[in-house]
Amino acid sequence: MTAARQAAGSRSASAGMSIGSVLDRLRPEFPDVTISKIRFLESEGLVSPERTPSGYRRFSVADCERLRYVLTAQRDQYLPLKVIKEQLDAIDRGAATVGAGGTADGAPRRPRALAVAPGEASPDDFRSDREIRVSRDDLRERAGIDEKFLGDLVSAGLLTPGAAGFFDEDAIVLARTARAMAEFGLEVRHLRAFRLAADREAALVAQIAGPVAKGRDAGARDRAEEMVRELAALSLTLHTCLVKSAVRGALDR
């Protein structure tokens, strides 16, 4: 831990900010942040506020800036929490510098750009904060596929239009990927196995997060949604690693 962090940590807990005050500071820049999100980041070791004798959290200015660092890295750099924590730990050890974006007391303000390790996915990849509607014609044009190929994808359950017949933006990526795989001789029916595997993984994630969402406290739903995104990202990374390993083994047979 740096001298600046030690100094911040030595402040009296009673002089710090409540979690509600921290939320008020962050919300103008991060409208979607919630108290449960801050608590989750604390549970993951991204921030360590002081505690009063009665157990209430007291955040320093450095803690607030640390949270801003994390939220900015997630929003702008799409970094997973593991990578963000590694950056913060490096800063605390003095192994990395904050640079021009840092605050006067040494707390980080903006993350430096880091490439995510190959195969790693960010929980933010699974957010659905905005919905983009893509028409059938637009999907065909942007994905470079014909009506028959699109119909096959829908029939196989790989693409599912909404009630009004529109698709989301991810459908474009999926259709392009399926088209590219078709160039290697794979037919749409061969891709159903990927759909089934995805459904099984999603069911497992839902089984884990479901009980959390049914909690009686006000932040239960937020915690469950955060858990779903984290598990989905980990599941995708695990799937990628397993496929890589299996493919390498197949080539050696």
Protein backbone atom coordinates (compact mmCIF):
# COMPACT_ATOMS: atom_id res chain seq x y z
CA MET A 1 0.00 0.00 0.00
CA THR A 2 1.31 3.45 -0.88
CA ALA A 3 1.92 6.16 1.69
CA ALA A 4 -1.06 8.07 0.34
CA ARG A 5 -3.35 5.10 0.86
CA GLN A 6 -1.98 4.54 4.37
CA ALA A 7 -2.64 8.15 5.20
CA ALA A 8 -6.16 7.91 3.86
CA GLY A 9 -6.76 4.73 5.81
CA SER A 10 -5.59 6.28 9.07
CA ARG A 11 -8.29 8.94 8.99
CA SER A 12 -10.96 8.67 11.61
CA ALA A 13 -13.88 6.56 10.44
CA SER A 14 -16.32 9.11 11.78
CA ALA A 15 -14.88 11.74 9.42
CA GLY A 16 -15.54 9.69 6.31
CA MET A 17 -18.52 9.62 3.97
CA SER A 18 -21.49 7.31 4.27
CA ILE A 19 -22.26 4.93 1.43
CA GLY A 20 -25.20 7.17 0.52
CA SER A 21 -22.89 10.18 0.23
CA VAL A 22 -20.55 8.22 -2.02
CA LEU A 23 -23.51 7.22 -4.17
CA ASP A 24 -24.49 10.90 -4.51
CA ARG A 25 -20.93 11.76 -5.63
CA LEU A 26 -20.78 9.00 -8.24
CA ARG A 27 -24.26 9.05 -9.72
CA PRO A 28 -23.86 12.22 -11.82
CA GLU A 29 -21.16 10.40 -13.80
CA PHE A 30 -22.48 6.84 -13.37
CA PRO A 31 -26.31 7.00 -13.33
CA ASP A 32 -26.66 3.20 -13.03
CA VAL A 33 -24.53 2.78 -9.92
CA THR A 34 -26.39 1.52 -6.85
CA ILE A 35 -25.62 0.93 -3.20
CA SER A 36 -25.65 -2.81 -3.85
CA LYS A 37 -23.08 -2.29 -6.63
CA ILE A 38 -20.77 -0.45 -4.22
CA ARG A 39 -21.21 -3.20 -1.64
CA PHE A 40 -20.45 -5.81 -4.29
CA LEU A 41 -17.22 -4.03 -5.27
CA GLU A 42 -16.26 -3.94 -1.61
CA SER A 43 -16.94 -7.68 -1.26
CA GLU A 44 -14.65 -8.26 -4.26
CA GLY A 45 -11.83 -6.34 -2.58
CA LEU A 46 -11.86 -3.36 -4.95
CA VAL A 47 -12.36 -0.90 -2.08
CA SER A 48 -11.97 -1.22 1.70
CA PRO A 49 -13.81 1.53 3.59
CA GLU A 50 -13.30 2.08 7.31
CA ARG A 51 -15.95 0.82 9.74
CA THR A 52 -17.39 2.62 12.75
CA PRO A 53 -17.66 0.72 16.07
CA SER A 54 -21.32 0.10 15.20
CA GLY A 55 -20.36 -1.36 11.81
CA TYR A 56 -21.28 1.50 9.45
CA ARG A 57 -19.07 2.08 6.42
CA ARG A 58 -17.06 5.30 6.22
CA PHE A 59 -15.47 6.09 2.85
CA SER A 60 -12.52 8.44 2.40
CA VAL A 61 -12.04 10.67 -0.64
CA ALA A 62 -9.46 8.16 -1.87
CA ASP A 63 -12.03 5.36 -1.53
CA CYS A 64 -14.50 7.36 -3.61
CA GLU A 65 -11.91 7.97 -6.32
CA ARG A 66 -10.99 4.31 -6.25
CA LEU A 67 -14.61 3.44 -6.95
CA ARG A 68 -14.64 5.99 -9.78
CA TYR A 69 -11.58 4.25 -11.22
CA VAL A 70 -13.35 0.87 -11.16
CA LEU A 71 -16.59 2.15 -12.65
CA THR A 72 -14.75 4.05 -15.39
CA ALA A 73 -12.68 0.98 -16.29
CA GLN A 74 -15.82 -1.11 -16.57
CA ARG A 75 -17.72 1.47 -18.61
CA ASP A 76 -15.00 2.77 -20.94
CA GLN A 77 -12.44 -0.05 -21.12
CA TYR A 78 -14.77 -3.05 -20.61
CA LEU A 79 -12.25 -4.54 -18.21
CA PRO A 80 -13.19 -7.48 -15.96
CA LEU A 81 -12.91 -6.90 -12.20
CA LYS A 82 -9.89 -9.20 -12.00
CA VAL A 83 -7.88 -6.98 -14.33
CA ILE A 84 -9.04 -3.79 -12.59
CA LYS A 85 -8.02 -5.19 -9.21
CA GLU A 86 -4.60 -6.11 -10.58
CA GLN A 87 -4.17 -2.52 -11.79
CA LEU A 88 -5.18 -1.10 -8.41
CA ASP A 89 -2.91 -3.52 -6.55
CA ALA A 90 -0.02 -2.46 -8.80
CA ILE A 91 -0.73 1.19 -8.01
CA ASP A 92 -0.89 0.45 -4.28
CA ARG A 93 2.47 -1.32 -4.45
CA GLY A 94 4.00 1.54 -6.38
CA ALA A 95 4.58 -0.77 -9.34
CA ALA A 96 2.43 1.46 -11.57
CA THR A 97 1.88 5.17 -11.73
CA VAL A 98 -1.46 6.90 -11.89
CA GLY A 99 -0.34 9.61 -14.28
CA ALA A 100 -2.15 12.82 -15.13
CA GLY A 101 -5.55 11.37 -14.24
CA GLY A 102 -4.64 10.82 -10.58
CA THR A 103 -5.83 12.90 -7.69
CA ALA A 104 -3.71 14.98 -5.38
CA ASP A 105 -3.72 12.33 -2.63
CA GLY A 106 -2.55 9.60 -5.01
CA ALA A 107 -5.91 7.91 -5.57
CA PRO A 108 -6.50 6.78 -9.15
CA ARG A 109 -9.06 8.61 -11.25
CA ARG A 110 -8.83 7.14 -14.74
CA PRO A 111 -7.63 3.66 -15.78
CA ARG A 112 -4.83 3.31 -18.22
CA ALA A 113 -5.81 1.37 -21.31
CA LEU A 114 -5.06 -2.32 -20.97
CA ALA A 115 -5.85 -5.03 -23.45
CA VAL A 116 -7.95 -7.80 -21.95
CA ALA A 117 -6.22 -11.16 -22.09
CA PRO A 118 -7.38 -13.29 -25.03
CA GLY A 119 -10.47 -15.25 -24.18
CA GLU A 120 -11.47 -13.08 -21.22
CA ALA A 121 -14.94 -11.57 -21.27
CA SER A 122 -16.23 -8.63 -19.29
CA PRO A 123 -19.42 -8.77 -17.23
CA ASP A 124 -20.40 -5.52 -18.95
CA ASP A 125 -20.62 -7.47 -22.21
CA PHE A 126 -23.80 -8.98 -20.80
CA ARG A 127 -25.55 -5.73 -19.90
CA SER A 128 -28.76 -4.87 -21.71
CA ASP A 129 -29.04 -1.21 -20.75
CA ARG A 130 -30.00 -0.20 -24.26
CA GLU A 131 -31.99 -2.09 -26.85
CA ILE A 132 -31.25 -1.65 -30.54
CA ARG A 133 -33.92 -2.99 -32.90
CA VAL A 134 -32.67 -4.43 -36.16
CA SER A 135 -35.11 -5.26 -38.93
CA ARG A 136 -34.91 -8.49 -40.88
CA ASP A 137 -33.75 -6.72 -44.04
CA ASP A 138 -31.14 -4.72 -42.14
CA LEU A 139 -29.86 -7.88 -40.47
CA ARG A 140 -29.45 -9.65 -43.80
CA GLU A 141 -27.63 -6.68 -45.31
CA ARG A 142 -25.28 -6.05 -42.40
CA ALA A 143 -24.49 -9.73 -41.87
CA GLY A 144 -24.08 -10.48 -45.58
CA ILE A 145 -26.53 -13.37 -45.63
CA ASP A 146 -29.57 -14.25 -47.73
CA GLU A 147 -33.14 -14.90 -46.62
CA LYS A 148 -32.75 -18.69 -46.70
CA PHE A 149 -29.71 -18.62 -44.44
CA LEU A 150 -31.50 -16.28 -42.03
CA GLY A 151 -34.54 -18.55 -42.04
CA ASP A 152 -32.33 -21.54 -41.25
CA LEU A 153 -30.79 -19.70 -38.28
CA VAL A 154 -34.23 -18.87 -36.92
CA SER A 155 -35.53 -22.41 -37.47
CA ALA A 156 -32.51 -23.84 -35.64
CA GLY A 157 -33.15 -21.57 -32.68
CA LEU A 158 -29.87 -19.72 -33.12
CA LEU A 159 -31.68 -16.43 -33.75
CA THR A 160 -34.95 -15.41 -32.14
CA PRO A 161 -36.77 -12.26 -33.25
CA GLY A 162 -38.71 -10.21 -30.76
CA ALA A 163 -42.50 -9.98 -30.60
CA ALA A 164 -42.49 -7.22 -33.23
CA GLY A 165 -40.21 -9.20 -35.54
CA PHE A 166 -37.03 -7.23 -34.80
CA PHE A 167 -33.64 -8.59 -33.78
CA ASP A 168 -31.01 -7.14 -31.42
CA GLU A 169 -27.52 -6.02 -32.39
CA ASP A 170 -25.94 -9.26 -31.17
CA ALA A 171 -27.91 -11.05 -33.87
CA ILE A 172 -25.72 -9.35 -36.49
CA VAL A 173 -22.55 -10.72 -34.90
CA LEU A 174 -24.08 -14.18 -34.58
CA ALA A 175 -25.23 -14.22 -38.20
CA ARG A 176 -21.82 -13.08 -39.44
CA THR A 177 -20.13 -15.76 -37.35
CA ALA A 178 -22.46 -18.46 -38.62
CA ARG A 179 -21.81 -17.33 -42.20
CA ALA A 180 -18.04 -17.49 -41.63
CA MET A 181 -18.35 -21.00 -40.17
CA ALA A 182 -20.46 -22.04 -43.14
CA GLU A 183 -17.52 -21.17 -45.39
CA PHE A 184 -15.66 -24.04 -43.70
CA GLY A 185 -18.41 -26.47 -44.63
CA LEU A 186 -20.46 -26.30 -41.41
CA GLU A 187 -24.19 -26.22 -41.95
CA VAL A 188 -26.62 -24.41 -39.68
CA ARG A 189 -27.82 -27.74 -38.26
CA HIS A 190 -24.27 -28.37 -37.05
CA LEU A 191 -24.43 -25.19 -34.97
CA ARG A 192 -27.37 -26.37 -32.86
CA ALA A 193 -24.87 -27.97 -30.48
CA PHE A 194 -23.62 -24.49 -29.59
CA ARG A 195 -27.18 -23.39 -28.88
CA LEU A 196 -27.78 -26.35 -26.60
CA ALA A 197 -24.51 -25.77 -24.75
CA ALA A 198 -25.38 -22.09 -24.25
CA ASP A 199 -28.82 -23.00 -22.90
CA ARG A 200 -27.29 -25.43 -20.41
CA GLU A 201 -24.79 -22.81 -19.20
CA ALA A 202 -27.52 -20.19 -18.88
CA ALA A 203 -29.68 -22.60 -16.87
CA LEU A 204 -26.79 -23.27 -14.50
CA VAL A 205 -26.19 -19.55 -14.00
CA ALA A 206 -29.90 -19.01 -13.36
CA GLN A 207 -29.90 -21.84 -10.83
CA ILE A 208 -27.14 -20.12 -8.86
CA ALA A 209 -28.42 -16.54 -9.09
CA GLY A 210 -32.13 -17.30 -8.77
CA PRO A 211 -32.20 -17.68 -4.98
CA VAL A 212 -30.26 -14.42 -4.59
CA ALA A 213 -32.81 -12.54 -6.71
CA LYS A 214 -35.60 -13.79 -4.46
CA GLY A 215 -34.04 -12.24 -1.37
CA ARG A 216 -36.22 -9.89 0.63
CA ASP A 217 -33.76 -7.01 0.90
CA ALA A 218 -33.96 -4.07 -1.51
CA GLY A 219 -30.65 -4.81 -3.26
CA ALA A 220 -31.33 -8.49 -3.96
CA ARG A 221 -32.22 -8.00 -7.62
CA ASP A 222 -29.17 -5.83 -8.31
CA ARG A 223 -26.85 -8.37 -6.68
CA ALA A 224 -28.41 -11.20 -8.67
CA GLU A 225 -28.00 -9.31 -11.97
CA GLU A 226 -24.37 -8.52 -11.14
CA MET A 227 -23.80 -12.18 -10.25
CA VAL A 228 -25.35 -13.30 -13.55
CA ARG A 229 -23.04 -11.00 -15.53
CA GLU A 230 -19.96 -12.15 -13.60
CA LEU A 231 -20.85 -15.84 -13.99
CA ALA A 232 -21.69 -15.42 -17.66
CA ALA A 233 -18.30 -13.80 -18.31
CA LEU A 234 -16.50 -16.54 -16.40
CA SER A 235 -18.50 -19.19 -18.22
CA LEU A 236 -17.55 -17.73 -21.60
CA THR A 237 -13.87 -17.62 -20.64
CA LEU A 238 -13.98 -21.20 -19.37
CA HIS A 239 -15.74 -22.35 -22.54
CA THR A 240 -13.08 -20.65 -24.68
CA CYS A 241 -10.25 -22.31 -22.76
CA LEU A 242 -11.88 -25.74 -22.97
CA VAL A 243 -12.47 -25.43 -26.72
CA LYS A 244 -8.85 -24.34 -27.26
CA SER A 245 -7.59 -27.30 -25.27
CA ALA A 246 -9.88 -29.76 -27.04
CA VAL A 247 -8.94 -28.43 -30.49
CA ARG A 248 -5.23 -28.74 -29.74
CA GLY A 249 -5.84 -32.32 -28.64
CA ALA A 250 -7.84 -33.09 -31.76
CA LEU A 251 -5.00 -31.95 -34.01
CA ASP A 252 -2.55 -34.24 -32.21
CA ARG A 253 -4.62 -37.38 -32.78
